[in-house]
Amino acid sequence: MYRKTIAMAVAGLLILGLGACGNASDTKTADAGSTSQSQTTKKPAEKKPVEQPADLTGTWKQTNSGSDDSWMEAEITADTITVQWVSNNGDTKSLYWKGSYNAPDKAGDWKWTSQGDTAAMQASLLGSQDATKDFTYTKADGVSWETTAMGTTTVVKTAKQ
């Protein structure tokens, strides 16, 4: 009989213990549910604006000419680039390059090979004799290209005006 009493007491304790565990987990689940409802919802991460291709149309003046009264200047339209030698503080302009322009189709640096209008350039004393010319655009140097005159080649760097 003594054994039955101890067995019954142990069984009772086990039942109470298991019941308490079940209630504790139910309480935690209920608490977790109420906690998540009271928390503020996180805002979705803000998207950075998509960088667009550079708009190169307009006038670009040489930044590294070394002279205050003469420089090179490029004018870019939707499909043409025209480069002039400019002197006498802008009073005199002579055609150096006239050719095709391919607008950037992606953001960042851009390179294109211009097909020259050789007839227009042959009519100019200072016109290029090349059929093609490579142009580059970077944020640091603007539109740039190589120019050779009297045996000296220079990289012309520009800024948009």
N, C-alpha and C. Protein backbone atom coordinates (compact mmCIF):
# COMPACT_ATOMS: atom_id res chain seq x y z
N MET A 1 0.79 -1.16 0.00
CA MET A 1 0.00 0.00 0.00
C MET A 1 0.86 1.26 0.00
N TYR A 2 1.86 1.17 0.69
CA TYR A 2 2.79 2.26 0.76
C TYR A 2 3.35 2.54 -0.64
N ARG A 3 3.60 1.46 -1.40
CA ARG A 3 4.09 1.61 -2.76
C ARG A 3 3.05 2.26 -3.66
N LYS A 4 1.80 1.87 -3.49
CA LYS A 4 0.74 2.45 -4.31
C LYS A 4 0.63 3.95 -4.04
N THR A 5 0.77 4.37 -2.83
CA THR A 5 0.67 5.78 -2.47
C THR A 5 1.82 6.56 -3.09
N ILE A 6 3.00 5.99 -3.03
CA ILE A 6 4.17 6.68 -3.62
C ILE A 6 4.00 6.73 -5.13
N ALA A 7 3.55 5.64 -5.74
CA ALA A 7 3.36 5.59 -7.18
C ALA A 7 2.31 6.60 -7.60
N MET A 8 1.24 6.70 -6.82
CA MET A 8 0.19 7.66 -7.13
C MET A 8 0.71 9.10 -6.98
N ALA A 9 1.52 9.34 -5.98
CA ALA A 9 2.08 10.68 -5.76
C ALA A 9 3.00 11.05 -6.92
N VAL A 10 3.85 10.11 -7.35
CA VAL A 10 4.77 10.35 -8.47
C VAL A 10 3.97 10.60 -9.75
N ALA A 11 2.95 9.78 -9.98
CA ALA A 11 2.11 9.96 -11.17
C ALA A 11 1.43 11.32 -11.14
N GLY A 12 0.94 11.73 -9.98
CA GLY A 12 0.30 13.03 -9.85
C GLY A 12 1.27 14.17 -10.15
N LEU A 13 2.50 14.03 -9.63
CA LEU A 13 3.50 15.06 -9.89
C LEU A 13 3.85 15.13 -11.38
N LEU A 14 3.95 13.96 -12.00
CA LEU A 14 4.25 13.93 -13.43
C LEU A 14 3.14 14.60 -14.24
N ILE A 15 1.89 14.30 -13.87
CA ILE A 15 0.76 14.90 -14.58
C ILE A 15 0.76 16.41 -14.40
N LEU A 16 0.99 16.86 -13.18
CA LEU A 16 1.04 18.30 -12.94
C LEU A 16 2.22 18.95 -13.67
N GLY A 17 3.34 18.27 -13.65
CA GLY A 17 4.55 18.80 -14.31
C GLY A 17 4.34 18.91 -15.81
N LEU A 18 3.79 17.87 -16.43
CA LEU A 18 3.56 17.92 -17.87
C LEU A 18 2.50 18.94 -18.24
N GLY A 19 1.49 19.05 -17.41
CA GLY A 19 0.44 20.04 -17.66
C GLY A 19 1.00 21.45 -17.59
N ALA A 20 1.89 21.70 -16.62
CA ALA A 20 2.50 23.01 -16.48
C ALA A 20 3.36 23.34 -17.69
N CYS A 21 4.09 22.32 -18.18
CA CYS A 21 4.92 22.55 -19.38
C CYS A 21 4.05 22.91 -20.56
N GLY A 22 2.95 22.23 -20.74
CA GLY A 22 2.05 22.52 -21.85
C GLY A 22 1.50 23.93 -21.75
N ASN A 23 1.13 24.34 -20.55
CA ASN A 23 0.60 25.69 -20.36
C ASN A 23 1.65 26.75 -20.60
N ALA A 24 2.87 26.47 -20.19
CA ALA A 24 3.93 27.44 -20.37
C ALA A 24 4.19 27.67 -21.85
N SER A 25 4.20 26.60 -22.64
CA SER A 25 4.47 26.79 -24.07
C SER A 25 3.28 27.47 -24.74
N ASP A 26 2.06 27.19 -24.30
CA ASP A 26 0.90 27.88 -24.86
C ASP A 26 0.97 29.36 -24.55
N THR A 27 1.41 29.68 -23.34
CA THR A 27 1.52 31.08 -22.95
C THR A 27 2.58 31.78 -23.79
N LYS A 28 3.72 31.08 -24.02
CA LYS A 28 4.78 31.69 -24.83
C LYS A 28 4.28 31.94 -26.24
N THR A 29 3.56 30.98 -26.79
CA THR A 29 3.05 31.14 -28.15
C THR A 29 2.07 32.30 -28.21
N ALA A 30 1.22 32.39 -27.22
CA ALA A 30 0.25 33.48 -27.18
C ALA A 30 0.98 34.81 -27.03
N ASP A 31 2.01 34.83 -26.15
CA ASP A 31 2.77 36.05 -25.96
C ASP A 31 3.51 36.43 -27.24
N ALA A 32 4.08 35.44 -27.89
CA ALA A 32 4.82 35.71 -29.12
C ALA A 32 3.88 36.29 -30.17
N GLY A 33 2.68 35.76 -30.25
CA GLY A 33 1.71 36.27 -31.22
C GLY A 33 1.33 37.70 -30.92
N SER A 34 1.09 38.02 -29.65
CA SER A 34 0.71 39.38 -29.32
C SER A 34 1.88 40.33 -29.48
N THR A 35 3.10 39.84 -29.21
CA THR A 35 4.27 40.69 -29.36
C THR A 35 4.48 41.05 -30.82
N SER A 36 4.35 40.06 -31.72
CA SER A 36 4.60 40.35 -33.13
C SER A 36 3.55 41.31 -33.68
N GLN A 37 2.35 41.28 -33.11
CA GLN A 37 1.33 42.20 -33.59
C GLN A 37 1.60 43.62 -33.12
N SER A 38 2.23 43.76 -31.96
CA SER A 38 2.46 45.09 -31.43
C SER A 38 3.74 45.72 -31.98
N GLN A 39 4.62 44.92 -32.60
CA GLN A 39 5.84 45.48 -33.16
C GLN A 39 5.52 46.25 -34.43
N THR A 40 6.32 47.28 -34.69
CA THR A 40 6.12 48.04 -35.91
C THR A 40 6.68 47.24 -37.08
N THR A 41 6.03 47.35 -38.19
CA THR A 41 6.50 46.62 -39.36
C THR A 41 7.66 47.39 -39.98
N LYS A 42 8.64 46.63 -40.52
CA LYS A 42 9.80 47.25 -41.13
C LYS A 42 9.43 47.77 -42.51
N LYS A 43 9.99 48.94 -42.84
CA LYS A 43 9.78 49.50 -44.17
C LYS A 43 10.66 48.72 -45.14
N PRO A 44 10.18 48.53 -46.35
CA PRO A 44 11.04 47.86 -47.33
C PRO A 44 12.24 48.75 -47.62
N ALA A 45 13.37 48.12 -47.94
CA ALA A 45 14.59 48.87 -48.21
C ALA A 45 14.34 49.82 -49.38
N GLU A 46 14.81 51.06 -49.23
CA GLU A 46 14.62 52.04 -50.29
C GLU A 46 15.54 51.68 -51.45
N LYS A 47 14.99 51.72 -52.64
CA LYS A 47 15.76 51.41 -53.84
C LYS A 47 16.53 52.64 -54.26
N LYS A 48 17.80 52.41 -54.64
CA LYS A 48 18.59 53.50 -55.16
C LYS A 48 18.11 53.79 -56.57
N PRO A 49 18.10 55.05 -56.96
CA PRO A 49 17.67 55.35 -58.32
C PRO A 49 18.62 54.69 -59.32
N VAL A 50 18.07 54.19 -60.39
CA VAL A 50 18.87 53.55 -61.41
C VAL A 50 19.64 54.63 -62.16
N GLU A 51 20.96 54.45 -62.24
CA GLU A 51 21.80 55.43 -62.91
C GLU A 51 21.52 55.39 -64.42
N GLN A 52 21.33 56.56 -64.98
CA GLN A 52 20.98 56.68 -66.40
C GLN A 52 22.24 56.96 -67.24
N PRO A 53 22.19 56.63 -68.53
CA PRO A 53 23.31 56.98 -69.41
C PRO A 53 23.48 58.50 -69.45
N ALA A 54 24.72 58.93 -69.63
CA ALA A 54 25.01 60.36 -69.69
C ALA A 54 24.42 60.98 -70.96
N ASP A 55 23.93 62.21 -70.85
CA ASP A 55 23.47 62.97 -72.01
C ASP A 55 24.65 63.82 -72.46
N LEU A 56 25.26 63.46 -73.56
CA LEU A 56 26.46 64.15 -74.03
C LEU A 56 26.16 65.27 -75.03
N THR A 57 24.90 65.46 -75.38
CA THR A 57 24.58 66.50 -76.35
C THR A 57 24.90 67.88 -75.75
N GLY A 58 25.40 68.75 -76.61
CA GLY A 58 25.75 70.10 -76.17
C GLY A 58 27.17 70.44 -76.58
N THR A 59 27.71 71.51 -76.00
CA THR A 59 29.05 72.00 -76.34
C THR A 59 30.04 71.61 -75.24
N TRP A 60 31.19 71.10 -75.66
CA TRP A 60 32.26 70.65 -74.77
C TRP A 60 33.52 71.45 -75.08
N LYS A 61 34.04 72.18 -74.08
CA LYS A 61 35.22 73.02 -74.28
C LYS A 61 36.45 72.35 -73.68
N GLN A 62 37.56 72.44 -74.38
CA GLN A 62 38.81 71.84 -73.92
C GLN A 62 39.25 72.44 -72.59
N THR A 63 39.66 71.57 -71.67
CA THR A 63 40.10 72.00 -70.34
C THR A 63 41.62 71.98 -70.19
N ASN A 64 42.32 71.36 -71.14
CA ASN A 64 43.78 71.24 -71.00
C ASN A 64 44.51 71.86 -72.20
N SER A 65 44.03 72.99 -72.70
CA SER A 65 44.65 73.60 -73.88
C SER A 65 45.97 74.30 -73.55
N GLY A 66 46.12 74.80 -72.33
CA GLY A 66 47.32 75.53 -71.96
C GLY A 66 47.34 76.96 -72.50
N SER A 67 46.23 77.39 -73.08
CA SER A 67 46.14 78.74 -73.65
C SER A 67 44.80 79.35 -73.29
N ASP A 68 44.82 80.65 -73.05
CA ASP A 68 43.58 81.35 -72.74
C ASP A 68 42.82 81.78 -73.99
N ASP A 69 43.53 81.88 -75.14
CA ASP A 69 42.86 82.39 -76.32
C ASP A 69 42.71 81.38 -77.46
N SER A 70 43.08 80.10 -77.23
CA SER A 70 42.83 79.07 -78.24
C SER A 70 42.62 77.71 -77.57
N TRP A 71 41.70 76.95 -78.14
CA TRP A 71 41.33 75.65 -77.59
C TRP A 71 40.56 74.86 -78.63
N MET A 72 40.20 73.64 -78.29
CA MET A 72 39.31 72.85 -79.14
C MET A 72 37.96 72.79 -78.48
N GLU A 73 36.94 72.65 -79.31
CA GLU A 73 35.57 72.62 -78.81
C GLU A 73 34.79 71.60 -79.63
N ALA A 74 34.02 70.78 -78.94
CA ALA A 74 33.20 69.77 -79.62
C ALA A 74 31.73 70.12 -79.41
N GLU A 75 30.96 69.96 -80.46
CA GLU A 75 29.51 70.12 -80.36
C GLU A 75 28.89 68.78 -80.73
N ILE A 76 28.08 68.24 -79.81
CA ILE A 76 27.44 66.96 -80.03
C ILE A 76 25.94 67.16 -80.16
N THR A 77 25.39 66.62 -81.26
CA THR A 77 23.95 66.61 -81.47
C THR A 77 23.47 65.16 -81.34
N ALA A 78 22.25 64.90 -81.71
CA ALA A 78 21.68 63.56 -81.56
C ALA A 78 22.49 62.49 -82.29
N ASP A 79 23.12 62.84 -83.43
CA ASP A 79 23.84 61.82 -84.19
C ASP A 79 25.16 62.29 -84.81
N THR A 80 25.62 63.50 -84.43
CA THR A 80 26.85 64.05 -85.02
C THR A 80 27.73 64.67 -83.94
N ILE A 81 29.06 64.52 -84.13
CA ILE A 81 30.02 65.26 -83.32
C ILE A 81 30.86 66.10 -84.27
N THR A 82 30.98 67.39 -83.95
CA THR A 82 31.78 68.31 -84.74
C THR A 82 32.80 68.94 -83.81
N VAL A 83 34.08 68.84 -84.18
CA VAL A 83 35.16 69.40 -83.36
C VAL A 83 35.81 70.53 -84.14
N GLN A 84 35.98 71.67 -83.46
CA GLN A 84 36.57 72.87 -84.08
C GLN A 84 37.83 73.26 -83.32
N TRP A 85 38.81 73.80 -84.08
CA TRP A 85 39.91 74.53 -83.47
C TRP A 85 39.38 75.95 -83.26
N VAL A 86 39.47 76.46 -82.05
CA VAL A 86 38.96 77.80 -81.74
C VAL A 86 40.15 78.68 -81.35
N SER A 87 40.23 79.88 -81.95
CA SER A 87 41.33 80.79 -81.61
C SER A 87 40.81 82.23 -81.52
N ASN A 88 41.71 83.12 -81.13
CA ASN A 88 41.38 84.54 -80.97
C ASN A 88 40.18 84.71 -80.04
N ASN A 89 40.20 83.99 -78.93
CA ASN A 89 39.13 84.05 -77.92
C ASN A 89 37.77 83.72 -78.50
N GLY A 90 37.72 82.84 -79.48
CA GLY A 90 36.45 82.40 -80.04
C GLY A 90 36.06 83.08 -81.32
N ASP A 91 36.85 84.06 -81.77
CA ASP A 91 36.51 84.77 -83.00
C ASP A 91 36.74 83.92 -84.25
N THR A 92 37.65 82.94 -84.18
CA THR A 92 37.98 82.13 -85.34
C THR A 92 37.76 80.65 -85.00
N LYS A 93 37.06 79.96 -85.90
CA LYS A 93 36.83 78.53 -85.72
C LYS A 93 37.18 77.82 -87.03
N SER A 94 37.90 76.70 -86.91
CA SER A 94 38.26 75.90 -88.08
C SER A 94 37.88 74.45 -87.80
N LEU A 95 37.23 73.83 -88.77
CA LEU A 95 36.78 72.45 -88.61
C LEU A 95 37.96 71.50 -88.48
N TYR A 96 37.94 70.68 -87.46
CA TYR A 96 38.93 69.61 -87.30
C TYR A 96 38.29 68.25 -87.56
N TRP A 97 37.10 68.00 -86.99
CA TRP A 97 36.44 66.70 -87.14
C TRP A 97 34.94 66.88 -87.28
N LYS A 98 34.36 66.12 -88.18
CA LYS A 98 32.91 66.03 -88.28
C LYS A 98 32.60 64.57 -88.58
N GLY A 99 31.77 63.98 -87.72
CA GLY A 99 31.48 62.57 -87.90
C GLY A 99 30.29 62.10 -87.09
N SER A 100 30.09 60.80 -87.11
CA SER A 100 28.94 60.20 -86.44
C SER A 100 29.12 60.20 -84.92
N TYR A 101 28.01 60.17 -84.24
CA TYR A 101 27.99 60.10 -82.78
C TYR A 101 27.00 59.02 -82.37
N ASN A 102 27.46 58.13 -81.50
CA ASN A 102 26.61 57.07 -80.93
C ASN A 102 26.40 57.37 -79.45
N ALA A 103 25.19 57.72 -79.08
CA ALA A 103 24.87 58.09 -77.69
C ALA A 103 25.03 56.88 -76.77
N PRO A 104 25.45 57.13 -75.52
CA PRO A 104 25.57 56.03 -74.55
C PRO A 104 24.23 55.32 -74.34
N ASP A 105 24.30 54.00 -74.22
CA ASP A 105 23.08 53.24 -73.93
C ASP A 105 23.14 52.61 -72.55
N LYS A 106 24.19 52.94 -71.79
CA LYS A 106 24.30 52.47 -70.41
C LYS A 106 25.03 53.54 -69.60
N ALA A 107 24.86 53.47 -68.30
CA ALA A 107 25.49 54.45 -67.40
C ALA A 107 26.99 54.18 -67.31
N GLY A 108 27.73 55.21 -66.95
CA GLY A 108 29.17 55.07 -66.74
C GLY A 108 29.98 55.55 -67.93
N ASP A 109 31.23 55.10 -67.97
CA ASP A 109 32.14 55.50 -69.04
C ASP A 109 31.61 55.01 -70.38
N TRP A 110 31.96 55.72 -71.45
CA TRP A 110 31.44 55.39 -72.77
C TRP A 110 32.51 55.64 -73.82
N LYS A 111 32.59 54.74 -74.79
CA LYS A 111 33.52 54.89 -75.92
C LYS A 111 32.76 54.64 -77.21
N TRP A 112 33.12 55.37 -78.25
CA TRP A 112 32.56 55.10 -79.57
C TRP A 112 33.58 55.48 -80.63
N THR A 113 33.43 54.86 -81.78
CA THR A 113 34.26 55.19 -82.93
C THR A 113 33.38 55.96 -83.90
N SER A 114 33.81 57.19 -84.17
CA SER A 114 33.06 58.07 -85.06
C SER A 114 33.52 57.84 -86.50
N GLN A 115 32.56 57.72 -87.39
CA GLN A 115 32.84 57.63 -88.83
C GLN A 115 32.87 59.06 -89.37
N GLY A 116 34.03 59.47 -89.91
CA GLY A 116 34.21 60.85 -90.33
C GLY A 116 33.54 61.21 -91.64
N ASP A 117 33.12 62.46 -91.71
CA ASP A 117 32.63 63.04 -92.96
C ASP A 117 33.88 63.57 -93.67
N THR A 118 34.55 62.68 -94.42
CA THR A 118 35.86 63.00 -94.98
C THR A 118 35.79 64.16 -95.99
N ALA A 119 34.69 64.28 -96.71
CA ALA A 119 34.56 65.38 -97.67
C ALA A 119 34.56 66.73 -96.95
N ALA A 120 33.83 66.83 -95.85
CA ALA A 120 33.78 68.08 -95.08
C ALA A 120 35.16 68.40 -94.48
N MET A 121 35.85 67.38 -93.99
CA MET A 121 37.15 67.62 -93.35
C MET A 121 38.23 67.95 -94.37
N GLN A 122 38.16 67.40 -95.59
CA GLN A 122 39.15 67.72 -96.64
C GLN A 122 39.03 69.18 -97.08
N ALA A 123 37.85 69.74 -96.95
CA ALA A 123 37.65 71.15 -97.33
C ALA A 123 38.22 72.12 -96.30
N SER A 124 38.61 71.60 -95.12
CA SER A 124 39.15 72.45 -94.05
C SER A 124 40.67 72.29 -93.98
N LEU A 125 41.38 73.43 -93.93
CA LEU A 125 42.84 73.40 -93.86
C LEU A 125 43.33 72.63 -92.63
N LEU A 126 42.60 72.72 -91.51
CA LEU A 126 43.00 72.04 -90.27
C LEU A 126 42.19 70.77 -90.00
N GLY A 127 41.47 70.29 -91.02
CA GLY A 127 40.65 69.10 -90.86
C GLY A 127 41.48 67.83 -90.73
N SER A 128 40.97 66.88 -89.98
CA SER A 128 41.62 65.59 -89.82
C SER A 128 41.60 64.84 -91.15
N GLN A 129 42.62 64.03 -91.36
CA GLN A 129 42.69 63.20 -92.56
C GLN A 129 42.25 61.76 -92.26
N ASP A 130 41.82 61.51 -91.03
CA ASP A 130 41.41 60.16 -90.63
C ASP A 130 39.98 59.88 -91.06
N ALA A 131 39.70 58.61 -91.35
CA ALA A 131 38.34 58.19 -91.71
C ALA A 131 37.51 57.90 -90.46
N THR A 132 38.18 57.52 -89.37
CA THR A 132 37.50 57.26 -88.09
C THR A 132 38.29 57.88 -86.96
N LYS A 133 37.59 58.12 -85.86
CA LYS A 133 38.25 58.66 -84.66
C LYS A 133 37.55 58.09 -83.45
N ASP A 134 38.35 57.68 -82.46
CA ASP A 134 37.81 57.14 -81.21
C ASP A 134 37.61 58.26 -80.20
N PHE A 135 36.42 58.28 -79.61
CA PHE A 135 36.07 59.25 -78.57
C PHE A 135 35.72 58.49 -77.30
N THR A 136 35.97 59.13 -76.17
CA THR A 136 35.71 58.54 -74.86
C THR A 136 34.99 59.56 -73.99
N TYR A 137 34.10 59.07 -73.14
CA TYR A 137 33.47 59.93 -72.13
C TYR A 137 33.73 59.31 -70.76
N THR A 138 34.23 60.10 -69.83
CA THR A 138 34.32 59.74 -68.41
C THR A 138 33.90 60.97 -67.61
N LYS A 139 33.45 60.75 -66.39
CA LYS A 139 33.08 61.89 -65.54
C LYS A 139 34.29 62.78 -65.29
N ALA A 140 35.48 62.18 -65.15
CA ALA A 140 36.68 62.95 -64.82
C ALA A 140 37.17 63.80 -65.99
N ASP A 141 37.17 63.26 -67.21
CA ASP A 141 37.76 63.96 -68.35
C ASP A 141 36.74 64.47 -69.35
N GLY A 142 35.45 64.28 -69.10
CA GLY A 142 34.45 64.70 -70.08
C GLY A 142 34.60 63.89 -71.35
N VAL A 143 34.30 64.52 -72.48
CA VAL A 143 34.52 63.88 -73.77
C VAL A 143 35.99 64.13 -74.12
N SER A 144 36.69 63.07 -74.53
CA SER A 144 38.10 63.23 -74.86
C SER A 144 38.43 62.45 -76.13
N TRP A 145 39.53 62.84 -76.76
CA TRP A 145 40.00 62.20 -77.98
C TRP A 145 41.46 62.57 -78.18
N GLU A 146 42.15 61.84 -79.04
CA GLU A 146 43.53 62.15 -79.39
C GLU A 146 43.54 63.03 -80.63
N THR A 147 44.41 64.05 -80.60
CA THR A 147 44.59 64.93 -81.74
C THR A 147 46.07 64.98 -82.07
N THR A 148 46.39 64.84 -83.34
CA THR A 148 47.78 64.93 -83.78
C THR A 148 47.92 66.13 -84.70
N ALA A 149 48.88 66.99 -84.37
CA ALA A 149 49.18 68.16 -85.19
C ALA A 149 50.68 68.37 -85.18
N MET A 150 51.24 68.58 -86.35
CA MET A 150 52.69 68.81 -86.51
C MET A 150 53.51 67.73 -85.82
N GLY A 151 53.04 66.48 -85.91
CA GLY A 151 53.79 65.35 -85.36
C GLY A 151 53.64 65.13 -83.87
N THR A 152 52.82 65.92 -83.21
CA THR A 152 52.62 65.79 -81.76
C THR A 152 51.19 65.34 -81.49
N THR A 153 51.05 64.27 -80.69
CA THR A 153 49.71 63.77 -80.34
C THR A 153 49.38 64.19 -78.92
N THR A 154 48.19 64.73 -78.76
CA THR A 154 47.70 65.20 -77.46
C THR A 154 46.33 64.60 -77.20
N VAL A 155 46.07 64.24 -75.95
CA VAL A 155 44.72 63.83 -75.56
C VAL A 155 43.98 65.09 -75.14
N VAL A 156 42.93 65.40 -75.86
CA VAL A 156 42.12 66.59 -75.56
C VAL A 156 41.06 66.17 -74.54
N LYS A 157 40.99 66.89 -73.44
CA LYS A 157 39.99 66.65 -72.39
C LYS A 157 39.05 67.85 -72.36
N THR A 158 37.77 67.59 -72.10
CA THR A 158 36.79 68.68 -72.18
C THR A 158 35.84 68.68 -70.99
N ALA A 159 35.10 69.76 -70.86
CA ALA A 159 34.02 69.88 -69.88
C ALA A 159 32.82 70.47 -70.60
N LYS A 160 31.64 70.03 -70.20
CA LYS A 160 30.42 70.51 -70.84
C LYS A 160 30.17 71.96 -70.47
N GLN A 161 29.81 72.75 -71.45
CA GLN A 161 29.56 74.18 -71.26
C GLN A 161 28.11 74.43 -71.00
